[in-house]
Amino acid sequence: MLENEEIEEPTIKPVKEIFLTFFKSYSAVTGLIILIGIAVMGFIGPLFYPTDPFDMVWMPFSPPGTDGFLLGTDYLGRDILSQIINGARVSIAIGFSAALVSCFIGVGIGSFAGFYGGWVEETLMRLTEFFQVLPTLLFAMVIVALFGSSVLSITLAIGAVSWASVARITRSEFLRIKELDFVLASRASGSNNLALIFRVILPNAAAPIIVQSALLVGAAITFEAGLAFLGLSDPNVISWGQVIGSNRIYILDATYTVTIPGIAIFITVLAISLVGDGLNDALNPKLRSR
């Protein structure tokens, strides 16, 4: 390399360009609008529809539209619409919190594995492979059974079993980026390992990590519903999964009590998936020149 040759660091896409690329995708914008609408419903909806989701307000198993109850009532006579509105807040909170836990663990393990290599990489990737082949639902059930069916333990359990994909993506990006000239130049200028990992390499590896983390939100919401269907939801908190879990034994007699929250989960996960695809297009470095 010539002495006067300038080492150019890969440029991170400008925020304005990311927004323009994202909002060019009609499907991504549609997903974002749906997601915002669900979040607004969960956080502001109870102010306009103040019915307590735990109150027994009418006869059990009243079909949708009965006596002003738009979505009907469940096996205890509780308003399902109120449960959907209030459950949106908890389900979204669990989804984002569990994804954050997964991202924190996965990025930490993947970055150290990809950067240091050798026995560090070998050890951390064997651990990652163990979690990949582990029956995640069973392991999450064990964690919840040990620490109780609270929102916190459910969130941590989902996060603790869902980080392997983030770790592998992070490691792959670190292996690719750490040998580039701008990283070697930063190392030669005296940057320590932690600075190289978190200030030099990680920002340039962030795009696929962000996309994967966004998809983990939808997966976490579905995962919570699966735990709830098995009776491992928090009985003191209304979530969409909890609504499904509490009505699961009546699925043949009153299908709507399970179908309605199931549809809510489906729409939310679909919206998150559309947003994730839009983020992938917006953050993908291969699209910078387009």
Protein backbone atom coordinates (compact mmCIF):
# COMPACT_ATOMS: atom_id res chain seq x y z
CA MET A 1 0.00 0.00 0.00
CA LEU A 2 1.40 3.40 -0.96
CA GLU A 3 2.14 5.84 1.84
CA ASN A 4 0.03 8.60 0.32
CA GLU A 5 -2.85 6.28 -0.49
CA GLU A 6 -5.93 7.28 1.45
CA ILE A 7 -7.79 4.53 3.27
CA GLU A 8 -11.47 5.08 2.77
CA GLU A 9 -13.84 3.82 5.40
CA PRO A 10 -17.11 2.37 4.12
CA THR A 11 -19.72 5.05 4.42
CA ILE A 12 -22.80 4.31 6.45
CA LYS A 13 -25.95 5.18 4.59
CA PRO A 14 -27.21 8.70 5.45
CA VAL A 15 -30.37 8.80 7.51
CA LYS A 16 -32.17 10.82 4.83
CA GLU A 17 -31.35 8.22 2.18
CA ILE A 18 -32.53 5.41 4.49
CA PHE A 19 -35.87 7.16 5.05
CA LEU A 20 -36.36 7.88 1.34
CA THR A 21 -35.60 4.28 0.39
CA PHE A 22 -37.86 2.91 3.11
CA PHE A 23 -40.83 5.11 2.23
CA LYS A 24 -40.58 4.19 -1.45
CA SER A 25 -41.77 0.71 -0.48
CA TYR A 26 -45.57 0.65 -0.29
CA SER A 27 -45.58 -2.64 1.60
CA ALA A 28 -43.13 -1.32 4.21
CA VAL A 29 -45.15 1.87 4.67
CA THR A 30 -48.34 -0.18 4.98
CA GLY A 31 -46.71 -2.36 7.64
CA LEU A 32 -45.47 0.70 9.51
CA ILE A 33 -48.92 2.31 9.47
CA ILE A 34 -50.52 -0.89 10.77
CA LEU A 35 -47.87 -1.22 13.47
CA ILE A 36 -48.29 2.40 14.57
CA GLY A 37 -52.05 1.95 14.61
CA ILE A 38 -51.77 -1.13 16.83
CA ALA A 39 -49.38 0.66 19.18
CA VAL A 40 -51.70 3.67 19.41
CA MET A 41 -54.63 1.34 20.07
CA GLY A 42 -52.73 -0.35 22.88
CA PHE A 43 -51.46 2.78 24.60
CA ILE A 44 -54.29 5.26 23.97
CA GLY A 45 -57.26 2.97 23.29
CA PRO A 46 -58.04 2.31 26.98
CA LEU A 47 -58.71 6.05 27.42
CA PHE A 48 -61.56 5.86 24.89
CA TYR A 49 -62.72 2.34 25.75
CA PRO A 50 -62.22 2.18 29.53
CA THR A 51 -63.86 -1.21 30.14
CA ASP A 52 -61.63 -3.26 32.43
CA PRO A 53 -60.53 -6.40 30.53
CA PHE A 54 -60.85 -8.42 33.76
CA ASP A 55 -64.44 -7.32 34.54
CA MET A 56 -67.27 -9.76 33.89
CA VAL A 57 -69.56 -7.47 31.95
CA TRP A 58 -72.07 -9.84 30.31
CA MET A 59 -73.08 -13.45 29.85
CA PRO A 60 -70.22 -15.85 28.98
CA PHE A 61 -69.72 -16.82 25.34
CA SER A 62 -71.83 -14.00 23.92
CA PRO A 63 -71.08 -13.96 20.16
CA PRO A 64 -69.59 -10.85 18.52
CA GLY A 65 -72.13 -8.06 18.19
CA THR A 66 -74.25 -9.18 21.14
CA ASP A 67 -75.75 -6.23 23.05
CA GLY A 68 -73.09 -3.79 21.91
CA PHE A 69 -70.10 -6.04 22.55
CA LEU A 70 -68.41 -5.79 19.18
CA LEU A 71 -66.16 -8.84 19.61
CA GLY A 72 -68.31 -10.72 22.11
CA THR A 73 -67.34 -12.08 25.52
CA ASP A 74 -65.15 -14.94 26.72
CA TYR A 75 -65.84 -17.87 29.03
CA LEU A 76 -66.12 -15.56 32.06
CA GLY A 77 -68.20 -12.92 30.32
CA ARG A 78 -65.27 -10.51 29.87
CA ASP A 79 -65.24 -8.08 26.96
CA ILE A 80 -62.93 -9.43 24.25
CA LEU A 81 -62.60 -6.01 22.57
CA SER A 82 -61.25 -4.58 25.81
CA GLN A 83 -58.85 -7.52 26.05
CA ILE A 84 -57.62 -6.94 22.49
CA ILE A 85 -57.08 -3.23 23.11
CA ASN A 86 -55.29 -3.67 26.43
CA GLY A 87 -53.44 -6.78 25.31
CA ALA A 88 -51.83 -4.93 22.40
CA ARG A 89 -49.70 -2.90 24.81
CA VAL A 90 -48.40 -5.94 26.68
CA SER A 91 -47.82 -8.10 23.59
CA ILE A 92 -45.89 -5.35 21.81
CA ALA A 93 -43.89 -4.60 24.96
CA ILE A 94 -42.98 -8.27 25.36
CA GLY A 95 -42.04 -8.51 21.68
CA PHE A 96 -39.72 -5.49 21.67
CA SER A 97 -38.22 -6.25 25.09
CA ALA A 98 -37.50 -9.89 24.23
CA ALA A 99 -35.97 -8.83 20.90
CA LEU A 100 -33.78 -6.33 22.76
CA VAL A 101 -32.56 -9.07 25.12
CA SER A 102 -31.85 -11.37 22.16
CA CYS A 103 -30.02 -8.60 20.33
CA PHE A 104 -27.89 -7.76 23.38
CA ILE A 105 -26.82 -11.38 23.89
CA GLY A 106 -26.42 -12.19 20.20
CA VAL A 107 -24.42 -9.08 19.32
CA GLY A 108 -22.13 -9.58 22.31
CA ILE A 109 -21.39 -13.21 21.51
CA GLY A 110 -21.21 -12.75 17.74
CA SER A 111 -18.94 -9.70 17.87
CA PHE A 112 -16.40 -11.29 20.22
CA ALA A 113 -16.45 -14.55 18.25
CA GLY A 114 -15.93 -12.82 14.92
CA PHE A 115 -13.32 -10.38 16.17
CA TYR A 116 -11.05 -12.58 18.27
CA GLY A 117 -11.34 -15.87 16.36
CA GLY A 118 -9.37 -18.88 17.58
CA TRP A 119 -10.52 -20.65 20.71
CA VAL A 120 -12.82 -17.73 21.62
CA GLU A 121 -14.74 -18.11 18.36
CA GLU A 122 -14.76 -21.89 18.66
CA THR A 123 -16.18 -21.81 22.19
CA LEU A 124 -18.79 -19.14 21.54
CA MET A 125 -20.00 -20.67 18.27
CA ARG A 126 -20.32 -24.12 19.85
CA LEU A 127 -22.50 -22.45 22.49
CA THR A 128 -24.51 -20.79 19.72
CA GLU A 129 -24.99 -24.10 17.92
CA PHE A 130 -26.16 -25.67 21.18
CA PHE A 131 -28.89 -23.05 21.48
CA GLN A 132 -29.81 -23.47 17.81
CA VAL A 133 -30.48 -27.20 18.15
CA LEU A 134 -32.05 -26.85 21.60
CA PRO A 135 -35.87 -27.14 21.62
CA THR A 136 -36.45 -23.46 22.31
CA LEU A 137 -40.06 -23.81 23.44
CA LEU A 138 -39.13 -26.53 25.91
CA PHE A 139 -36.22 -24.52 27.29
CA ALA A 140 -38.40 -21.41 27.63
CA MET A 141 -41.01 -23.51 29.43
CA VAL A 142 -38.35 -24.67 31.91
CA ILE A 143 -37.23 -21.08 32.58
CA VAL A 144 -40.80 -19.88 33.10
CA ALA A 145 -41.57 -22.88 35.33
CA LEU A 146 -38.52 -22.14 37.46
CA PHE A 147 -38.97 -18.38 37.81
CA GLY A 148 -42.76 -18.06 37.59
CA SER A 149 -45.22 -16.94 34.93
CA SER A 150 -44.56 -13.22 35.16
CA VAL A 151 -44.16 -10.85 32.22
CA LEU A 152 -40.51 -10.32 33.17
CA SER A 153 -39.64 -14.03 33.30
CA ILE A 154 -41.52 -14.71 30.05
CA THR A 155 -39.68 -11.86 28.32
CA LEU A 156 -36.28 -13.01 29.58
CA ALA A 157 -37.06 -16.62 28.67
CA ILE A 158 -37.95 -15.68 25.09
CA GLY A 159 -34.88 -13.46 24.79
CA ALA A 160 -32.61 -16.14 26.27
CA VAL A 161 -33.55 -18.74 23.63
CA SER A 162 -33.82 -16.51 20.53
CA TRP A 163 -30.40 -14.88 20.18
CA ALA A 164 -28.55 -17.51 18.10
CA SER A 165 -29.52 -16.06 14.70
CA VAL A 166 -28.32 -12.59 15.72
CA ALA A 167 -25.03 -14.05 16.96
CA ARG A 168 -24.36 -15.84 13.68
CA ILE A 169 -25.18 -12.78 11.57
CA THR A 170 -22.99 -10.57 13.77
CA ARG A 171 -20.07 -13.01 13.60
CA SER A 172 -20.37 -13.23 9.82
CA GLU A 173 -20.29 -9.44 9.47
CA PHE A 174 -17.32 -9.12 11.83
CA LEU A 175 -15.36 -11.75 9.90
CA ARG A 176 -15.99 -9.81 6.69
CA ILE A 177 -15.30 -6.32 8.01
CA LYS A 178 -12.37 -6.83 10.39
CA GLU A 179 -9.92 -7.48 7.52
CA LEU A 180 -10.86 -4.34 5.59
CA ASP A 181 -8.28 -1.58 5.23
CA PHE A 182 -10.00 0.99 7.41
CA VAL A 183 -10.09 -1.46 10.35
CA LEU A 184 -6.42 -2.35 9.87
CA ALA A 185 -5.62 1.37 9.76
CA SER A 186 -7.53 1.98 12.99
CA ARG A 187 -5.63 -0.88 14.63
CA ALA A 188 -2.32 0.52 13.40
CA SER A 189 -3.21 3.95 14.80
CA GLY A 190 -3.44 2.47 18.30
CA SER A 191 -7.15 1.77 18.78
CA ASN A 192 -7.75 -0.89 21.42
CA ASN A 193 -9.87 -3.97 20.79
CA LEU A 194 -13.03 -2.65 22.45
CA ALA A 195 -12.84 0.54 20.39
CA LEU A 196 -12.39 -1.48 17.23
CA ILE A 197 -15.35 -3.71 18.09
CA PHE A 198 -17.89 -1.11 19.21
CA ARG A 199 -16.78 2.08 17.46
CA VAL A 200 -15.28 0.90 14.18
CA ILE A 201 -16.71 -2.48 13.14
CA LEU A 202 -20.13 -2.68 14.80
CA PRO A 203 -21.58 0.51 13.21
CA ASN A 204 -20.68 -0.87 9.78
CA ALA A 205 -22.20 -4.26 10.65
CA ALA A 206 -25.42 -2.81 12.05
CA ALA A 207 -27.69 -3.07 8.99
CA PRO A 208 -28.34 -6.85 8.92
CA ILE A 209 -28.41 -6.93 12.73
CA ILE A 210 -31.16 -4.30 12.81
CA VAL A 211 -33.20 -6.19 10.22
CA GLN A 212 -32.87 -9.49 12.10
CA SER A 213 -33.74 -7.81 15.41
CA ALA A 214 -36.88 -6.33 13.86
CA LEU A 215 -38.00 -9.78 12.73
CA LEU A 216 -37.35 -11.12 16.23
CA VAL A 217 -40.07 -8.80 17.56
CA GLY A 218 -42.72 -10.67 15.60
CA ALA A 219 -41.21 -14.01 16.54
CA ALA A 220 -41.27 -13.05 20.23
CA ILE A 221 -44.96 -12.09 20.07
CA THR A 222 -45.75 -15.47 18.49
CA PHE A 223 -43.54 -17.23 21.04
CA GLU A 224 -45.41 -15.61 23.93
CA ALA A 225 -48.69 -16.77 22.42
CA GLY A 226 -47.31 -20.30 22.24
CA LEU A 227 -46.33 -20.23 25.91
CA ALA A 228 -49.74 -18.84 26.80
CA PHE A 229 -51.49 -21.58 24.83
CA LEU A 230 -49.67 -24.06 27.07
CA GLY A 231 -50.94 -22.22 30.16
CA LEU A 232 -47.67 -20.40 30.96
CA SER A 233 -48.86 -16.81 30.59
CA ASP A 234 -49.10 -14.28 33.40
CA PRO A 235 -52.71 -14.58 34.71
CA ASN A 236 -52.55 -11.07 36.18
CA VAL A 237 -51.78 -9.34 32.88
CA ILE A 238 -53.81 -9.27 29.69
CA SER A 239 -51.90 -10.05 26.52
CA TRP A 240 -53.13 -11.52 23.25
CA GLY A 241 -51.38 -14.75 24.13
CA GLN A 242 -53.04 -14.80 27.53
CA VAL A 243 -56.47 -14.36 25.89
CA ILE A 244 -55.74 -17.36 23.64
CA GLY A 245 -54.37 -19.41 26.53
CA SER A 246 -57.29 -18.76 28.86
CA ASN A 247 -59.84 -19.70 26.18
CA ARG A 248 -57.96 -22.58 24.57
CA ILE A 249 -60.12 -25.33 26.07
CA TYR A 250 -63.21 -23.71 24.52
CA ILE A 251 -61.75 -23.47 21.02
CA LEU A 252 -64.39 -25.80 19.55
CA ASP A 253 -67.35 -24.32 21.43
CA ALA A 254 -66.50 -20.63 21.00
CA THR A 255 -63.94 -20.42 18.23
CA TYR A 256 -64.02 -16.62 18.08
CA THR A 257 -62.50 -16.32 21.57
CA VAL A 258 -59.25 -17.76 20.19
CA THR A 259 -59.56 -16.69 16.54
CA ILE A 260 -59.86 -12.95 17.24
CA PRO A 261 -56.64 -12.59 19.28
CA GLY A 262 -54.99 -14.98 16.80
CA ILE A 263 -55.89 -12.63 13.95
CA ALA A 264 -54.50 -9.70 15.97
CA ILE A 265 -51.20 -11.55 16.38
CA PHE A 266 -51.14 -12.49 12.68
CA ILE A 267 -51.70 -8.90 11.53
CA THR A 268 -49.06 -7.56 13.91
CA VAL A 269 -46.43 -10.12 12.91
CA LEU A 270 -47.21 -9.52 9.23
CA ALA A 271 -46.79 -5.75 9.72
CA ILE A 272 -43.46 -6.29 11.49
CA SER A 273 -42.32 -8.56 8.66
CA LEU A 274 -43.21 -5.90 6.07
CA VAL A 275 -41.30 -3.28 8.06
CA GLY A 276 -38.34 -5.66 8.33
CA ASP A 277 -38.30 -6.13 4.54
CA GLY A 278 -38.40 -2.37 4.10
CA LEU A 279 -35.51 -1.91 6.52
CA ASN A 280 -33.53 -4.56 4.66
CA ASP A 281 -33.95 -2.64 1.40
CA ALA A 282 -33.19 0.70 3.04
CA LEU A 283 -30.11 -0.43 4.95
CA ASN A 284 -28.67 -2.86 2.41
CA PRO A 285 -25.30 -1.46 1.30
CA LYS A 286 -25.73 -3.08 -2.12
CA LEU A 287 -28.55 -0.63 -2.80
CA ARG A 288 -26.52 2.51 -2.07
CA SER A 289 -25.80 3.19 -5.67
CA ARG A 290 -29.33 2.60 -6.90
